[in-house]
C-alpha cells in the first residue's frame, strides 16, 4: 500500500494556494472544451458550404 501525506499536512501557505486554485473551478477545461466545440462547428459549416451546396439538390 502506498502511504502519502494527507493534504492537511501541507504547510499553511501551500494549503491556502491549493484552496484558492480549487475555488476558481475548472475554468481552463471549460475554455478548452468551448474552443474545441467552436472548431468542430466551424469545420462542419465549411464542409457544408464547400461540398454539399456546390453539388446542388438531390433528385
N, C-alpha and C. Protein backbone atom coordinates (compact mmCIF):
# COMPACT_ATOMS: atom_id res chain seq x y z
N UNK A 1 0.84 -1.18 0.00
CA UNK A 1 0.00 0.00 0.00
C UNK A 1 0.89 1.24 0.00
N UNK A 2 0.52 2.24 -0.78
CA UNK A 2 1.30 3.46 -0.86
C UNK A 2 0.81 4.42 0.22
N UNK A 3 1.74 4.89 1.00
CA UNK A 3 1.42 5.86 2.04
C UNK A 3 1.76 7.25 1.51
N UNK A 4 0.79 8.14 1.56
CA UNK A 4 1.03 9.51 1.13
C UNK A 4 0.61 10.46 2.23
N UNK A 5 1.17 11.65 2.17
CA UNK A 5 0.82 12.66 3.16
C UNK A 5 -0.61 13.12 2.95
N UNK A 6 -1.29 13.33 4.03
CA UNK A 6 -2.65 13.86 3.97
C UNK A 6 -2.57 15.31 3.55
N UNK A 7 -3.51 15.80 2.73
CA UNK A 7 -3.45 17.18 2.26
C UNK A 7 -3.39 18.22 3.38
N UNK A 8 -3.91 17.90 4.55
CA UNK A 8 -3.85 18.86 5.65
C UNK A 8 -2.46 18.94 6.25
N UNK A 9 -1.56 18.03 5.85
CA UNK A 9 -0.19 18.07 6.35
C UNK A 9 0.67 19.08 5.59
N UNK A 10 0.11 19.73 4.56
CA UNK A 10 0.86 20.73 3.81
C UNK A 10 1.10 21.96 4.69
N UNK A 11 2.18 22.66 4.45
CA UNK A 11 2.40 23.92 5.18
C UNK A 11 1.27 24.91 4.86
N UNK A 12 1.05 25.84 5.75
CA UNK A 12 -0.08 26.77 5.63
C UNK A 12 -0.09 27.55 4.32
N UNK A 13 1.01 28.14 3.85
CA UNK A 13 0.95 28.90 2.58
C UNK A 13 0.57 28.01 1.39
N UNK A 14 1.09 26.80 1.35
CA UNK A 14 0.75 25.91 0.25
C UNK A 14 -0.71 25.48 0.32
N UNK A 15 -1.21 25.26 1.52
CA UNK A 15 -2.61 24.86 1.69
C UNK A 15 -3.53 25.97 1.20
N UNK A 16 -3.21 27.21 1.51
CA UNK A 16 -4.04 28.33 1.05
C UNK A 16 -3.99 28.46 -0.46
N UNK A 17 -2.84 28.22 -1.06
CA UNK A 17 -2.72 28.30 -2.51
C UNK A 17 -3.56 27.22 -3.17
N UNK A 18 -3.54 26.01 -2.61
CA UNK A 18 -4.33 24.92 -3.16
C UNK A 18 -5.82 25.24 -3.04
N UNK A 19 -6.25 25.75 -1.92
CA UNK A 19 -7.66 26.09 -1.72
C UNK A 19 -8.09 27.19 -2.68
N UNK A 20 -7.23 28.15 -2.96
CA UNK A 20 -7.55 29.24 -3.89
C UNK A 20 -7.71 28.70 -5.31
N UNK A 21 -6.82 27.80 -5.72
CA UNK A 21 -6.89 27.23 -7.06
C UNK A 21 -8.15 26.39 -7.22
N UNK A 22 -8.48 25.59 -6.22
CA UNK A 22 -9.68 24.73 -6.29
C UNK A 22 -10.94 25.59 -6.30
N UNK A 23 -10.94 26.71 -5.60
CA UNK A 23 -12.11 27.57 -5.53
C UNK A 23 -12.41 28.22 -6.87
N UNK A 24 -11.40 28.41 -7.73
CA UNK A 24 -11.61 29.04 -9.03
C UNK A 24 -12.37 28.13 -9.98
N UNK A 25 -12.33 26.84 -9.77
CA UNK A 25 -13.10 25.91 -10.59
C UNK A 25 -12.36 25.51 -11.86
N UNK A 26 -13.05 24.74 -12.69
CA UNK A 26 -12.43 24.18 -13.90
C UNK A 26 -12.51 25.13 -15.09
N UNK A 27 -12.15 26.38 -14.91
CA UNK A 27 -12.27 27.38 -15.97
C UNK A 27 -11.47 27.01 -17.20
N UNK A 28 -10.24 26.54 -17.03
CA UNK A 28 -9.40 26.19 -18.17
C UNK A 28 -9.97 25.05 -18.99
N UNK A 29 -10.53 24.06 -18.33
CA UNK A 29 -11.13 22.93 -19.04
C UNK A 29 -12.36 23.38 -19.82
N UNK A 30 -13.14 24.27 -19.25
CA UNK A 30 -14.32 24.77 -19.95
C UNK A 30 -13.93 25.61 -21.17
N UNK A 31 -12.88 26.41 -21.04
CA UNK A 31 -12.41 27.20 -22.17
C UNK A 31 -11.92 26.28 -23.29
N UNK A 32 -11.16 25.26 -22.93
CA UNK A 32 -10.66 24.31 -23.93
C UNK A 32 -11.81 23.58 -24.61
N UNK A 33 -12.81 23.16 -23.87
CA UNK A 33 -13.97 22.50 -24.46
C UNK A 33 -14.74 23.44 -25.37
N UNK A 34 -14.85 24.69 -24.99
CA UNK A 34 -15.52 25.68 -25.84
C UNK A 34 -14.79 25.91 -27.14
N UNK A 35 -13.47 26.02 -27.09
CA UNK A 35 -12.67 26.21 -28.30
C UNK A 35 -12.81 25.00 -29.22
N UNK A 36 -12.75 23.80 -28.65
CA UNK A 36 -12.89 22.59 -29.46
C UNK A 36 -14.27 22.54 -30.11
N UNK A 37 -15.31 22.93 -29.40
CA UNK A 37 -16.66 22.92 -29.95
C UNK A 37 -16.78 23.92 -31.10
N UNK A 38 -16.22 25.11 -30.92
CA UNK A 38 -16.26 26.11 -31.98
C UNK A 38 -15.52 25.61 -33.23
N UNK A 39 -14.39 24.95 -33.04
CA UNK A 39 -13.63 24.40 -34.17
C UNK A 39 -14.45 23.35 -34.92
N UNK A 40 -15.11 22.47 -34.20
CA UNK A 40 -15.91 21.42 -34.84
C UNK A 40 -17.08 22.02 -35.61
N UNK A 41 -17.76 22.98 -35.03
CA UNK A 41 -18.89 23.63 -35.71
C UNK A 41 -18.40 24.38 -36.94
N UNK A 42 -17.28 25.07 -36.84
CA UNK A 42 -16.73 25.79 -37.99
C UNK A 42 -16.36 24.83 -39.12
N UNK A 43 -15.76 23.68 -38.79
CA UNK A 43 -15.42 22.69 -39.81
C UNK A 43 -16.68 22.12 -40.46
N UNK A 44 -17.74 21.92 -39.67
CA UNK A 44 -18.98 21.39 -40.22
C UNK A 44 -19.57 22.40 -41.22
N UNK A 45 -19.62 23.68 -40.85
CA UNK A 45 -20.13 24.69 -41.76
C UNK A 45 -19.27 24.80 -43.02
N UNK A 46 -17.96 24.75 -42.88
CA UNK A 46 -17.07 24.82 -44.04
C UNK A 46 -17.32 23.63 -44.96
N UNK A 47 -17.45 22.44 -44.42
CA UNK A 47 -17.73 21.25 -45.22
C UNK A 47 -19.08 21.39 -45.92
N UNK A 48 -20.08 21.86 -45.20
CA UNK A 48 -21.41 22.02 -45.78
C UNK A 48 -21.39 23.03 -46.92
N UNK A 49 -20.74 24.16 -46.70
CA UNK A 49 -20.73 25.23 -47.71
C UNK A 49 -19.87 24.86 -48.92
N UNK A 50 -18.80 24.12 -48.73
CA UNK A 50 -17.88 23.85 -49.84
C UNK A 50 -18.14 22.52 -50.55
N UNK A 51 -18.88 21.61 -49.91
CA UNK A 51 -19.10 20.30 -50.53
C UNK A 51 -20.57 20.10 -50.90
N UNK A 52 -21.48 20.26 -49.95
CA UNK A 52 -22.87 19.93 -50.22
C UNK A 52 -23.58 20.98 -51.07
N UNK A 53 -23.40 22.26 -50.79
CA UNK A 53 -24.10 23.28 -51.56
C UNK A 53 -23.66 23.31 -53.03
N UNK A 54 -22.38 23.19 -53.36
CA UNK A 54 -22.00 23.19 -54.77
C UNK A 54 -22.58 22.00 -55.55
N UNK A 55 -22.88 20.89 -54.92
CA UNK A 55 -23.44 19.73 -55.62
C UNK A 55 -24.89 19.95 -56.01
N UNK A 56 -25.58 20.81 -55.35
CA UNK A 56 -26.98 21.07 -55.69
C UNK A 56 -27.93 20.17 -54.94
N UNK A 57 -29.20 20.27 -55.28
CA UNK A 57 -30.24 19.50 -54.59
C UNK A 57 -30.25 18.05 -55.08
N UNK A 58 -30.70 17.16 -54.22
CA UNK A 58 -30.85 15.75 -54.61
C UNK A 58 -32.06 15.60 -55.52
N UNK A 59 -31.97 14.67 -56.44
CA UNK A 59 -33.08 14.47 -57.38
C UNK A 59 -33.77 13.16 -57.13
